[in-house]
Amino acid sequence: MPKLDLSIKDQAALVERIKEYVLNEFEIEVGRFEAEGMLEFFAKAIGNRFYNRGLHDAQSVIVGQIDAINDAIYQLEQPVEA
């Protein structure tokens, strides 16, 4: 999987969400450095699974569209005499 490139703004927003989550769920206050480490860990640990799921979802959509195109082409066929 390609490296997860987040904008500075997106990464900062995710880090803040991680800090809030850890505080609300576990009553542990973590700093920016720790939250960035958690983000990096989870991106590496589960990122490929989400990436692959996205590929499979995209493939399903494309297959559906190809089926629809095939149906449309079939409907355009003209009868031929034997």
N, C-alpha and C. Protein backbone atom coordinates (compact mmCIF):
# COMPACT_ATOMS: atom_id res chain seq x y z
N MET A 1 0.85 -1.18 0.00
CA MET A 1 0.00 0.00 0.00
C MET A 1 0.89 1.23 0.00
N PRO A 2 0.50 2.25 -0.77
CA PRO A 2 1.26 3.49 -0.74
C PRO A 2 1.19 4.13 0.64
N LYS A 3 2.22 4.91 0.97
CA LYS A 3 2.24 5.61 2.26
C LYS A 3 1.01 6.50 2.37
N LEU A 4 0.44 6.50 3.56
CA LEU A 4 -0.73 7.33 3.81
C LEU A 4 -0.28 8.78 3.94
N ASP A 5 -0.61 9.58 2.96
CA ASP A 5 -0.23 10.99 2.98
C ASP A 5 -1.44 11.82 3.38
N LEU A 6 -1.38 12.34 4.58
CA LEU A 6 -2.44 13.22 5.07
C LEU A 6 -1.94 14.65 5.03
N SER A 7 -2.85 15.55 4.77
CA SER A 7 -2.48 16.95 4.85
C SER A 7 -2.19 17.28 6.32
N ILE A 8 -1.46 18.32 6.54
CA ILE A 8 -1.16 18.75 7.91
C ILE A 8 -2.45 19.00 8.67
N LYS A 9 -3.41 19.60 7.98
CA LYS A 9 -4.70 19.91 8.61
C LYS A 9 -5.44 18.62 9.00
N ASP A 10 -5.48 17.63 8.08
CA ASP A 10 -6.17 16.37 8.38
C ASP A 10 -5.48 15.61 9.51
N GLN A 11 -4.15 15.57 9.47
CA GLN A 11 -3.42 14.87 10.52
C GLN A 11 -3.66 15.54 11.87
N ALA A 12 -3.63 16.85 11.91
CA ALA A 12 -3.87 17.57 13.16
C ALA A 12 -5.27 17.29 13.69
N ALA A 13 -6.25 17.24 12.80
CA ALA A 13 -7.63 16.96 13.22
C ALA A 13 -7.75 15.55 13.78
N LEU A 14 -7.11 14.58 13.13
CA LEU A 14 -7.16 13.20 13.62
C LEU A 14 -6.45 13.07 14.96
N VAL A 15 -5.33 13.74 15.11
CA VAL A 15 -4.59 13.71 16.38
C VAL A 15 -5.47 14.26 17.49
N GLU A 16 -6.17 15.35 17.24
CA GLU A 16 -7.06 15.92 18.25
C GLU A 16 -8.19 14.94 18.60
N ARG A 17 -8.73 14.28 17.59
CA ARG A 17 -9.80 13.30 17.84
C ARG A 17 -9.29 12.14 18.67
N ILE A 18 -8.07 11.70 18.42
CA ILE A 18 -7.48 10.61 19.21
C ILE A 18 -7.30 11.06 20.65
N LYS A 19 -6.77 12.26 20.84
CA LYS A 19 -6.58 12.78 22.19
C LYS A 19 -7.90 12.84 22.95
N GLU A 20 -8.95 13.33 22.28
CA GLU A 20 -10.27 13.42 22.91
C GLU A 20 -10.83 12.04 23.22
N TYR A 21 -10.67 11.11 22.30
CA TYR A 21 -11.19 9.76 22.49
C TYR A 21 -10.53 9.09 23.70
N VAL A 22 -9.20 9.15 23.75
CA VAL A 22 -8.48 8.51 24.86
C VAL A 22 -8.88 9.15 26.19
N LEU A 23 -9.04 10.45 26.20
CA LEU A 23 -9.45 11.14 27.42
C LEU A 23 -10.87 10.74 27.82
N ASN A 24 -11.80 10.74 26.87
CA ASN A 24 -13.20 10.43 27.18
C ASN A 24 -13.41 8.96 27.54
N GLU A 25 -12.74 8.06 26.86
CA GLU A 25 -12.96 6.63 27.07
C GLU A 25 -12.14 6.05 28.21
N PHE A 26 -10.92 6.55 28.39
CA PHE A 26 -10.01 5.95 29.36
C PHE A 26 -9.57 6.91 30.47
N GLU A 27 -10.01 8.14 30.36
CA GLU A 27 -9.63 9.18 31.32
C GLU A 27 -8.12 9.30 31.44
N ILE A 28 -7.46 9.20 30.29
CA ILE A 28 -6.01 9.36 30.21
C ILE A 28 -5.73 10.52 29.26
N GLU A 29 -4.96 11.46 29.74
CA GLU A 29 -4.62 12.60 28.89
C GLU A 29 -3.31 12.29 28.16
N VAL A 30 -3.38 12.29 26.84
CA VAL A 30 -2.18 12.05 26.05
C VAL A 30 -1.84 13.32 25.28
N GLY A 31 -0.58 13.48 25.01
CA GLY A 31 -0.14 14.65 24.27
C GLY A 31 -0.17 14.41 22.77
N ARG A 32 0.22 15.44 22.05
CA ARG A 32 0.23 15.37 20.59
C ARG A 32 1.18 14.29 20.10
N PHE A 33 2.35 14.18 20.70
CA PHE A 33 3.34 13.20 20.28
C PHE A 33 2.79 11.78 20.42
N GLU A 34 2.17 11.48 21.56
CA GLU A 34 1.61 10.15 21.78
C GLU A 34 0.47 9.86 20.81
N ALA A 35 -0.38 10.86 20.59
CA ALA A 35 -1.51 10.68 19.67
C ALA A 35 -1.02 10.48 18.24
N GLU A 36 0.03 11.19 17.85
CA GLU A 36 0.60 10.98 16.52
C GLU A 36 1.16 9.57 16.39
N GLY A 37 1.76 9.07 17.46
CA GLY A 37 2.28 7.71 17.46
C GLY A 37 1.16 6.69 17.31
N MET A 38 0.05 6.94 17.99
CA MET A 38 -1.11 6.04 17.86
C MET A 38 -1.65 6.06 16.45
N LEU A 39 -1.75 7.26 15.87
CA LEU A 39 -2.25 7.38 14.50
C LEU A 39 -1.34 6.62 13.54
N GLU A 40 -0.04 6.77 13.69
CA GLU A 40 0.90 6.07 12.82
C GLU A 40 0.79 4.56 13.01
N PHE A 41 0.69 4.12 14.26
CA PHE A 41 0.56 2.68 14.54
C PHE A 41 -0.68 2.11 13.87
N PHE A 42 -1.83 2.74 14.09
CA PHE A 42 -3.07 2.20 13.52
C PHE A 42 -3.08 2.30 12.00
N ALA A 43 -2.49 3.34 11.45
CA ALA A 43 -2.41 3.44 9.99
C ALA A 43 -1.62 2.27 9.43
N LYS A 44 -0.52 1.91 10.09
CA LYS A 44 0.29 0.78 9.63
C LYS A 44 -0.41 -0.55 9.92
N ALA A 45 -1.03 -0.66 11.09
CA ALA A 45 -1.63 -1.93 11.51
C ALA A 45 -2.88 -2.29 10.73
N ILE A 46 -3.71 -1.31 10.41
CA ILE A 46 -4.98 -1.63 9.76
C ILE A 46 -5.18 -0.91 8.43
N GLY A 47 -4.25 -0.05 8.07
CA GLY A 47 -4.40 0.72 6.84
C GLY A 47 -4.57 -0.14 5.61
N ASN A 48 -3.76 -1.20 5.50
CA ASN A 48 -3.87 -2.07 4.32
C ASN A 48 -5.23 -2.74 4.22
N ARG A 49 -5.82 -3.08 5.35
CA ARG A 49 -7.14 -3.71 5.32
C ARG A 49 -8.20 -2.74 4.77
N PHE A 50 -8.15 -1.49 5.22
CA PHE A 50 -9.09 -0.50 4.71
C PHE A 50 -8.83 -0.20 3.23
N TYR A 51 -7.57 -0.13 2.87
CA TYR A 51 -7.19 0.11 1.47
C TYR A 51 -7.73 -1.00 0.58
N ASN A 52 -7.49 -2.26 1.00
CA ASN A 52 -7.98 -3.40 0.22
C ASN A 52 -9.49 -3.42 0.16
N ARG A 53 -10.15 -3.09 1.25
CA ARG A 53 -11.62 -3.04 1.26
C ARG A 53 -12.11 -2.00 0.26
N GLY A 54 -11.43 -0.86 0.22
CA GLY A 54 -11.80 0.18 -0.74
C GLY A 54 -11.63 -0.29 -2.18
N LEU A 55 -10.55 -1.04 -2.44
CA LEU A 55 -10.35 -1.59 -3.78
C LEU A 55 -11.47 -2.56 -4.15
N HIS A 56 -11.84 -3.43 -3.21
CA HIS A 56 -12.92 -4.39 -3.48
C HIS A 56 -14.25 -3.67 -3.71
N ASP A 57 -14.50 -2.64 -2.92
CA ASP A 57 -15.74 -1.87 -3.09
C ASP A 57 -15.76 -1.19 -4.46
N ALA A 58 -14.62 -0.61 -4.85
CA ALA A 58 -14.54 0.04 -6.16
C ALA A 58 -14.73 -0.97 -7.28
N GLN A 59 -14.13 -2.14 -7.11
CA GLN A 59 -14.27 -3.19 -8.12
C GLN A 59 -15.73 -3.60 -8.26
N SER A 60 -16.44 -3.72 -7.15
CA SER A 60 -17.86 -4.09 -7.20
C SER A 60 -18.68 -3.05 -7.96
N VAL A 61 -18.39 -1.79 -7.72
CA VAL A 61 -19.10 -0.72 -8.42
C VAL A 61 -18.82 -0.79 -9.91
N ILE A 62 -17.56 -0.98 -10.26
CA ILE A 62 -17.19 -1.05 -11.68
C ILE A 62 -17.84 -2.25 -12.36
N VAL A 63 -17.84 -3.39 -11.70
CA VAL A 63 -18.48 -4.59 -12.27
C VAL A 63 -19.96 -4.32 -12.50
N GLY A 64 -20.61 -3.67 -11.55
CA GLY A 64 -22.02 -3.32 -11.71
C GLY A 64 -22.25 -2.41 -12.90
N GLN A 65 -21.36 -1.43 -13.07
CA GLN A 65 -21.49 -0.51 -14.20
C GLN A 65 -21.25 -1.23 -15.53
N ILE A 66 -20.28 -2.13 -15.55
CA ILE A 66 -20.02 -2.90 -16.77
C ILE A 66 -21.22 -3.77 -17.11
N ASP A 67 -21.82 -4.39 -16.11
CA ASP A 67 -23.03 -5.19 -16.35
C ASP A 67 -24.14 -4.33 -16.94
N ALA A 68 -24.31 -3.12 -16.41
CA ALA A 68 -25.34 -2.22 -16.92
C ALA A 68 -25.05 -1.82 -18.37
N ILE A 69 -23.79 -1.58 -18.68
CA ILE A 69 -23.41 -1.23 -20.06
C ILE A 69 -23.67 -2.42 -20.98
N ASN A 70 -23.30 -3.60 -20.54
CA ASN A 70 -23.55 -4.80 -21.36
C ASN A 70 -25.04 -4.98 -21.63
N ASP A 71 -25.86 -4.76 -20.62
CA ASP A 71 -27.32 -4.86 -20.80
C ASP A 71 -27.81 -3.82 -21.80
N ALA A 72 -27.30 -2.59 -21.69
CA ALA A 72 -27.72 -1.53 -22.60
C ALA A 72 -27.31 -1.86 -24.04
N ILE A 73 -26.13 -2.38 -24.21
CA ILE A 73 -25.67 -2.76 -25.56
C ILE A 73 -26.53 -3.89 -26.11
N TYR A 74 -26.84 -4.86 -25.29
CA TYR A 74 -27.69 -5.97 -25.72
C TYR A 74 -29.05 -5.46 -26.21
N GLN A 75 -29.60 -4.47 -25.50
CA GLN A 75 -30.90 -3.92 -25.88
C GLN A 75 -30.83 -3.16 -27.20
N LEU A 76 -29.68 -2.70 -27.59
CA LEU A 76 -29.52 -1.97 -28.85
C LEU A 76 -29.37 -2.89 -30.06
N GLU A 77 -29.12 -4.15 -29.80
CA GLU A 77 -28.94 -5.08 -30.92
C GLU A 77 -30.20 -5.14 -31.77
N GLN A 78 -29.98 -5.26 -33.06
CA GLN A 78 -31.08 -5.35 -34.03
C GLN A 78 -31.29 -6.82 -34.41
N PRO A 79 -32.54 -7.18 -34.63
CA PRO A 79 -32.79 -8.56 -35.03
C PRO A 79 -32.22 -8.82 -36.43
N VAL A 80 -31.79 -10.02 -36.65
CA VAL A 80 -31.27 -10.40 -37.97
C VAL A 80 -32.07 -11.59 -38.49
N GLU A 81 -32.21 -11.62 -39.79
CA GLU A 81 -32.94 -12.74 -40.39
C GLU A 81 -32.00 -13.93 -40.51
N ALA A 82 -32.55 -15.09 -40.29
CA ALA A 82 -31.74 -16.31 -40.38
C ALA A 82 -31.57 -16.76 -41.80
